[in-house]
Amino acid sequence: MNPALLIVIAIIVVAVIFVVGLYNGLVQRRLRIDEAFAQIEVQLKRRHDLIPNLVNAVKGYMGFEQKVLTDVTNARASAVAAGAQGPAQQAAAENVLTSTLRSLFAVVENYPDLKANQNVLELQEQLTTTENQISFSRQHYNATVLDYNTAIATFPNVLLAGPLGFTKREFFDAEPEAANVPNVDLSLS
């Protein structure tokens, strides 16, 4: 065989292996983002499932605070609906929900009997734990998005990312206030 032909074949093989390696690396990063977002969705679903229980637990004590309960219920419904609209819209809806929960917990402070209710205490603890898990999941997701976005924007991946359908992903941003977990002391002191 002609040595020049062998060199051309070797260069083509190396180029194909290089492109396949870049492509597979980008696919792995994209799948990590999908997995990380699925973890956020699991925690958000848990949060959404806890809220009706909390509303029901405080409803009898807070009859004249109906607006707060309605706001929480509406914010929860909006957050559930935003789940199909992408990370940015979902994050915005979740931030509103966090704000309304903060308002609910502030109002709970005004009701000594409610602060002493074991069911409310347990639900508040579960929500706090879930909020922490959401925060950790969001941090992991955003780190994987940063890794992926960096990979598709740097050389030599940038040459292949666009033509192969790899596009920039959105971060799951929380408002600065939403990063602070509602901290309410429901003890009898």
C-alpha atoms as a PDB file:
ATOM      1  CA  MET A   1       0.000   0.000   0.000  1.00  0.00           C
ATOM      2  CA  ASN A   2       1.081   3.552  -0.715  1.00  0.00           C
ATOM      3  CA  PRO A   3       2.610   5.261   2.412  1.00  0.00           C
ATOM      4  CA  ALA A   4       0.854   8.550   1.538  1.00  0.00           C
ATOM      5  CA  LEU A   5      -2.496   6.735   1.471  1.00  0.00           C
ATOM      6  CA  LEU A   6      -1.777   5.181   4.896  1.00  0.00           C
ATOM      7  CA  ILE A   7      -1.017   8.620   6.311  1.00  0.00           C
ATOM      8  CA  VAL A   8      -4.278  10.037   4.923  1.00  0.00           C
ATOM      9  CA  ILE A   9      -6.247   7.069   6.324  1.00  0.00           C
ATOM     10  CA  ALA A  10      -4.519   7.481   9.720  1.00  0.00           C
ATOM     11  CA  ILE A  11      -5.355  11.199   9.787  1.00  0.00           C
ATOM     12  CA  ILE A  12      -9.002  10.469   8.919  1.00  0.00           C
ATOM     13  CA  VAL A  13      -9.221   7.770  11.624  1.00  0.00           C
ATOM     14  CA  VAL A  14      -7.702  10.101  14.223  1.00  0.00           C
ATOM     15  CA  ALA A  15     -10.090  12.909  13.183  1.00  0.00           C
ATOM     16  CA  VAL A  16     -13.111  10.595  13.423  1.00  0.00           C
ATOM     17  CA  ILE A  17     -12.017   9.325  16.858  1.00  0.00           C
ATOM     18  CA  PHE A  18     -11.502  12.936  17.968  1.00  0.00           C
ATOM     19  CA  VAL A  19     -14.967  14.029  16.778  1.00  0.00           C
ATOM     20  CA  VAL A  20     -16.626  10.978  18.342  1.00  0.00           C
ATOM     21  CA  GLY A  21     -14.850  11.724  21.650  1.00  0.00           C
ATOM     22  CA  LEU A  22     -15.984  15.357  21.625  1.00  0.00           C
ATOM     23  CA  TYR A  23     -19.540  14.383  20.725  1.00  0.00           C
ATOM     24  CA  ASN A  24     -19.759  11.709  23.439  1.00  0.00           C
ATOM     25  CA  GLY A  25     -18.376  14.128  26.025  1.00  0.00           C
ATOM     26  CA  LEU A  26     -21.027  16.706  25.182  1.00  0.00           C
ATOM     27  CA  VAL A  27     -23.773  14.069  25.281  1.00  0.00           C
ATOM     28  CA  GLN A  28     -22.608  12.952  28.741  1.00  0.00           C
ATOM     29  CA  ARG A  29     -22.667  16.531  30.010  1.00  0.00           C
ATOM     30  CA  ARG A  30     -26.152  17.092  28.584  1.00  0.00           C
ATOM     31  CA  LEU A  31     -27.412  13.906  30.254  1.00  0.00           C
ATOM     32  CA  ARG A  32     -25.933  15.020  33.593  1.00  0.00           C
ATOM     33  CA  ILE A  33     -27.954  18.225  33.297  1.00  0.00           C
ATOM     34  CA  ASP A  34     -31.135  16.244  32.648  1.00  0.00           C
ATOM     35  CA  GLU A  35     -30.418  14.005  35.650  1.00  0.00           C
ATOM     36  CA  ALA A  36     -29.684  17.000  37.886  1.00  0.00           C
ATOM     37  CA  PHE A  37     -32.899  18.721  36.799  1.00  0.00           C
ATOM     38  CA  ALA A  38     -34.845  15.539  37.528  1.00  0.00           C
ATOM     39  CA  GLN A  39     -33.506  15.691  41.103  1.00  0.00           C
ATOM     40  CA  ILE A  40     -34.789  19.253  41.456  1.00  0.00           C
ATOM     41  CA  GLU A  41     -38.185  18.134  40.166  1.00  0.00           C
ATOM     42  CA  VAL A  42     -38.320  15.317  42.743  1.00  0.00           C
ATOM     43  CA  GLN A  43     -37.687  17.782  45.576  1.00  0.00           C
ATOM     44  CA  LEU A  44     -40.146  20.327  44.174  1.00  0.00           C
ATOM     45  CA  LYS A  45     -42.827  17.648  43.908  1.00  0.00           C
ATOM     46  CA  ARG A  46     -42.231  16.733  47.542  1.00  0.00           C
ATOM     47  CA  ARG A  47     -42.538  20.404  48.467  1.00  0.00           C
ATOM     48  CA  HIS A  48     -45.725  20.772  46.420  1.00  0.00           C
ATOM     49  CA  ASP A  49     -47.182  17.679  48.109  1.00  0.00           C
ATOM     50  CA  LEU A  50     -46.438  19.013  51.614  1.00  0.00           C
ATOM     51  CA  ILE A  51     -48.042  22.416  51.107  1.00  0.00           C
ATOM     52  CA  PRO A  52     -51.709  21.295  51.011  1.00  0.00           C
ATOM     53  CA  ASN A  53     -51.114  19.407  54.280  1.00  0.00           C
ATOM     54  CA  LEU A  54     -49.655  22.534  55.860  1.00  0.00           C
ATOM     55  CA  VAL A  55     -52.531  24.702  54.598  1.00  0.00           C
ATOM     56  CA  ASN A  56     -55.057  22.231  55.995  1.00  0.00           C
ATOM     57  CA  ALA A  57     -53.232  22.078  59.329  1.00  0.00           C
ATOM     58  CA  VAL A  58     -53.321  25.848  59.821  1.00  0.00           C
ATOM     59  CA  LYS A  59     -56.676  26.576  58.164  1.00  0.00           C
ATOM     60  CA  GLY A  60     -58.773  26.125  61.301  1.00  0.00           C
ATOM     61  CA  TYR A  61     -56.561  28.427  63.356  1.00  0.00           C
ATOM     62  CA  MET A  62     -56.197  31.138  60.734  1.00  0.00           C
ATOM     63  CA  GLY A  63     -59.766  31.680  59.601  1.00  0.00           C
ATOM     64  CA  PHE A  64     -59.425  35.402  59.162  1.00  0.00           C
ATOM     65  CA  GLU A  65     -56.009  35.080  57.433  1.00  0.00           C
ATOM     66  CA  GLN A  66     -57.664  33.561  54.375  1.00  0.00           C
ATOM     67  CA  LYS A  67     -55.716  35.759  51.949  1.00  0.00           C
ATOM     68  CA  VAL A  68     -52.400  34.248  53.077  1.00  0.00           C
ATOM     69  CA  LEU A  69     -53.738  30.719  52.621  1.00  0.00           C
ATOM     70  CA  THR A  70     -55.185  31.614  49.220  1.00  0.00           C
ATOM     71  CA  ASP A  71     -51.871  33.167  48.152  1.00  0.00           C
ATOM     72  CA  VAL A  72     -49.970  30.013  49.162  1.00  0.00           C
ATOM     73  CA  THR A  73     -52.462  27.776  47.356  1.00  0.00           C
ATOM     74  CA  ASN A  74     -52.354  29.908  44.195  1.00  0.00           C
ATOM     75  CA  ALA A  75     -48.550  30.120  44.262  1.00  0.00           C
ATOM     76  CA  ARG A  76     -48.344  26.349  44.616  1.00  0.00           C
ATOM     77  CA  ALA A  77     -50.674  25.863  41.633  1.00  0.00           C
ATOM     78  CA  SER A  78     -48.596  28.282  39.558  1.00  0.00           C
ATOM     79  CA  ALA A  79     -45.374  26.509  40.533  1.00  0.00           C
ATOM     80  CA  VAL A  80     -46.791  23.122  39.568  1.00  0.00           C
ATOM     81  CA  ALA A  81     -47.972  24.506  36.218  1.00  0.00           C
ATOM     82  CA  ALA A  82     -44.613  26.184  35.544  1.00  0.00           C
ATOM     83  CA  GLY A  83     -42.847  22.820  35.708  1.00  0.00           C
ATOM     84  CA  ALA A  84     -43.374  22.247  31.993  1.00  0.00           C
ATOM     85  CA  GLN A  85     -42.177  25.711  30.955  1.00  0.00           C
ATOM     86  CA  GLY A  86     -38.435  25.327  31.551  1.00  0.00           C
ATOM     87  CA  PRO A  87     -35.992  26.126  34.341  1.00  0.00           C
ATOM     88  CA  ALA A  88     -36.245  29.929  34.199  1.00  0.00           C
ATOM     89  CA  GLN A  89     -40.036  30.037  34.424  1.00  0.00           C
ATOM     90  CA  GLN A  90     -40.129  27.281  37.013  1.00  0.00           C
ATOM     91  CA  ALA A  91     -37.530  29.048  39.147  1.00  0.00           C
ATOM     92  CA  ALA A  92     -39.539  32.275  39.012  1.00  0.00           C
ATOM     93  CA  ALA A  93     -42.728  30.471  40.080  1.00  0.00           C
ATOM     94  CA  GLU A  94     -40.901  28.646  42.863  1.00  0.00           C
ATOM     95  CA  ASN A  95     -39.488  31.950  44.112  1.00  0.00           C
ATOM     96  CA  VAL A  96     -43.034  33.320  44.401  1.00  0.00           C
ATOM     97  CA  LEU A  97     -44.049  30.176  46.287  1.00  0.00           C
ATOM     98  CA  THR A  98     -41.104  30.575  48.663  1.00  0.00           C
ATOM     99  CA  SER A  99     -42.151  34.163  49.319  1.00  0.00           C
ATOM    100  CA  THR A 100     -45.752  33.193  50.088  1.00  0.00           C
ATOM    101  CA  LEU A 101     -44.568  30.411  52.401  1.00  0.00           C
ATOM    102  CA  ARG A 102     -42.410  32.950  54.206  1.00  0.00           C
ATOM    103  CA  SER A 103     -45.539  35.096  54.668  1.00  0.00           C
ATOM    104  CA  LEU A 104     -47.486  32.113  55.977  1.00  0.00           C
ATOM    105  CA  PHE A 105     -44.804  31.258  58.513  1.00  0.00           C
ATOM    106  CA  ALA A 106     -44.646  34.879  59.634  1.00  0.00           C
ATOM    107  CA  VAL A 107     -48.401  34.870  60.256  1.00  0.00           C
ATOM    108  CA  VAL A 108     -48.158  31.538  62.122  1.00  0.00           C
ATOM    109  CA  GLU A 109     -45.963  33.321  64.652  1.00  0.00           C
ATOM    110  CA  ASN A 110     -49.054  35.265  65.782  1.00  0.00           C
ATOM    111  CA  TYR A 111     -50.930  32.115  66.852  1.00  0.00           C
ATOM    112  CA  PRO A 112     -49.560  30.457  70.025  1.00  0.00           C
ATOM    113  CA  ASP A 113     -51.879  27.441  69.703  1.00  0.00           C
ATOM    114  CA  LEU A 114     -50.770  26.923  66.141  1.00  0.00           C
ATOM    115  CA  LYS A 115     -47.096  27.251  67.082  1.00  0.00           C
ATOM    116  CA  ALA A 116     -47.648  24.432  69.588  1.00  0.00           C
ATOM    117  CA  ASN A 117     -49.463  22.124  67.162  1.00  0.00           C
ATOM    118  CA  GLN A 118     -47.329  18.987  66.624  1.00  0.00           C
ATOM    119  CA  ASN A 119     -48.632  18.447  63.097  1.00  0.00           C
ATOM    120  CA  VAL A 120     -47.669  21.994  62.086  1.00  0.00           C
ATOM    121  CA  LEU A 121     -44.243  21.567  63.711  1.00  0.00           C
ATOM    122  CA  GLU A 122     -43.615  18.351  61.763  1.00  0.00           C
ATOM    123  CA  LEU A 123     -44.787  19.860  58.481  1.00  0.00           C
ATOM    124  CA  GLN A 124     -42.612  22.922  59.047  1.00  0.00           C
ATOM    125  CA  GLU A 125     -39.591  20.670  59.699  1.00  0.00           C
ATOM    126  CA  GLN A 126     -40.300  18.624  56.570  1.00  0.00           C
ATOM    127  CA  LEU A 127     -40.624  21.796  54.492  1.00  0.00           C
ATOM    128  CA  THR A 128     -37.369  23.164  55.884  1.00  0.00           C
ATOM    129  CA  THR A 129     -35.597  19.896  55.073  1.00  0.00           C
ATOM    130  CA  THR A 130     -37.102  19.890  51.588  1.00  0.00           C
ATOM    131  CA  GLU A 131     -36.055  23.517  51.041  1.00  0.00           C
ATOM    132  CA  ASN A 132     -32.474  22.539  51.913  1.00  0.00           C
ATOM    133  CA  GLN A 133     -32.609  19.606  49.497  1.00  0.00           C
ATOM    134  CA  ILE A 134     -33.964  21.878  46.761  1.00  0.00           C
ATOM    135  CA  SER A 135     -31.089  24.267  47.389  1.00  0.00           C
ATOM    136  CA  PHE A 136     -28.500  21.493  47.133  1.00  0.00           C
ATOM    137  CA  SER A 137     -30.160  20.075  44.001  1.00  0.00           C
ATOM    138  CA  ARG A 138     -30.264  23.538  42.431  1.00  0.00           C
ATOM    139  CA  GLN A 139     -26.561  24.047  43.177  1.00  0.00           C
ATOM    140  CA  HIS A 140     -25.706  20.697  41.570  1.00  0.00           C
ATOM    141  CA  TYR A 141     -27.854  21.461  38.527  1.00  0.00           C
ATOM    142  CA  ASN A 142     -26.316  24.898  38.051  1.00  0.00           C
ATOM    143  CA  ALA A 143     -22.806  23.427  38.353  1.00  0.00           C
ATOM    144  CA  THR A 144     -23.581  20.875  35.635  1.00  0.00           C
ATOM    145  CA  VAL A 145     -25.101  23.595  33.430  1.00  0.00           C
ATOM    146  CA  LEU A 146     -21.984  25.714  33.895  1.00  0.00           C
ATOM    147  CA  ASP A 147     -19.762  22.758  32.956  1.00  0.00           C
ATOM    148  CA  TYR A 148     -21.864  22.016  29.863  1.00  0.00           C
ATOM    149  CA  ASN A 149     -22.174  25.651  28.737  1.00  0.00           C
ATOM    150  CA  THR A 150     -18.429  26.088  29.165  1.00  0.00           C
ATOM    151  CA  ALA A 151     -17.765  22.918  27.177  1.00  0.00           C
ATOM    152  CA  ILE A 152     -19.899  23.972  24.204  1.00  0.00           C
ATOM    153  CA  ALA A 153     -18.395  27.471  24.172  1.00  0.00           C
ATOM    154  CA  THR A 154     -14.722  26.505  24.278  1.00  0.00           C
ATOM    155  CA  PHE A 155     -12.426  25.423  21.507  1.00  0.00           C
ATOM    156  CA  PRO A 156     -12.511  22.896  19.841  1.00  0.00           C
ATOM    157  CA  ASN A 157     -16.031  21.894  21.007  1.00  0.00           C
ATOM    158  CA  VAL A 158     -17.464  25.191  19.788  1.00  0.00           C
ATOM    159  CA  LEU A 159     -16.723  24.075  16.220  1.00  0.00           C
ATOM    160  CA  LEU A 160     -18.978  21.029  16.576  1.00  0.00           C
ATOM    161  CA  ALA A 161     -21.508  21.925  19.298  1.00  0.00           C
ATOM    162  CA  GLY A 162     -23.792  24.156  17.227  1.00  0.00           C
ATOM    163  CA  PRO A 163     -23.871  22.002  14.078  1.00  0.00           C
ATOM    164  CA  LEU A 164     -24.516  18.887  16.209  1.00  0.00           C
ATOM    165  CA  GLY A 165     -27.459  20.491  18.043  1.00  0.00           C
ATOM    166  CA  PHE A 166     -25.871  21.323  21.394  1.00  0.00           C
ATOM    167  CA  THR A 167     -27.330  24.596  22.647  1.00  0.00           C
ATOM    168  CA  LYS A 168     -26.811  26.637  25.789  1.00  0.00           C
ATOM    169  CA  ARG A 169     -28.894  25.591  28.820  1.00  0.00           C
ATOM    170  CA  GLU A 170     -30.567  27.887  31.361  1.00  0.00           C
ATOM    171  CA  PHE A 171     -29.603  28.050  35.016  1.00  0.00           C
ATOM    172  CA  PHE A 172     -32.182  27.396  37.740  1.00  0.00           C
ATOM    173  CA  ASP A 173     -31.853  30.728  39.495  1.00  0.00           C
ATOM    174  CA  ALA A 174     -33.297  31.646  42.837  1.00  0.00           C
ATOM    175  CA  GLU A 175     -33.849  35.166  44.008  1.00  0.00           C
ATOM    176  CA  PRO A 176     -31.360  36.104  46.723  1.00  0.00           C
ATOM    177  CA  GLU A 177     -34.129  36.064  49.333  1.00  0.00           C
ATOM    178  CA  ALA A 178     -35.328  32.662  48.129  1.00  0.00           C
ATOM    179  CA  ALA A 179     -31.929  31.167  48.915  1.00  0.00           C
ATOM    180  CA  ASN A 180     -32.665  31.735  52.598  1.00  0.00           C
ATOM    181  CA  VAL A 181     -34.797  28.945  53.968  1.00  0.00           C
ATOM    182  CA  PRO A 182     -37.747  30.252  55.949  1.00  0.00           C
ATOM    183  CA  ASN A 183     -36.667  29.941  59.575  1.00  0.00           C
ATOM    184  CA  VAL A 184     -39.568  29.999  61.971  1.00  0.00           C
ATOM    185  CA  ASP A 185     -39.413  29.007  65.596  1.00  0.00           C
ATOM    186  CA  LEU A 186     -42.703  27.338  66.449  1.00  0.00           C
ATOM    187  CA  SER A 187     -41.686  26.401  69.971  1.00  0.00           C
ATOM    188  CA  LEU A 188     -43.739  27.423  72.972  1.00  0.00           C
ATOM    189  CA  SER A 189     -41.166  29.792  74.455  1.00  0.00           C
END
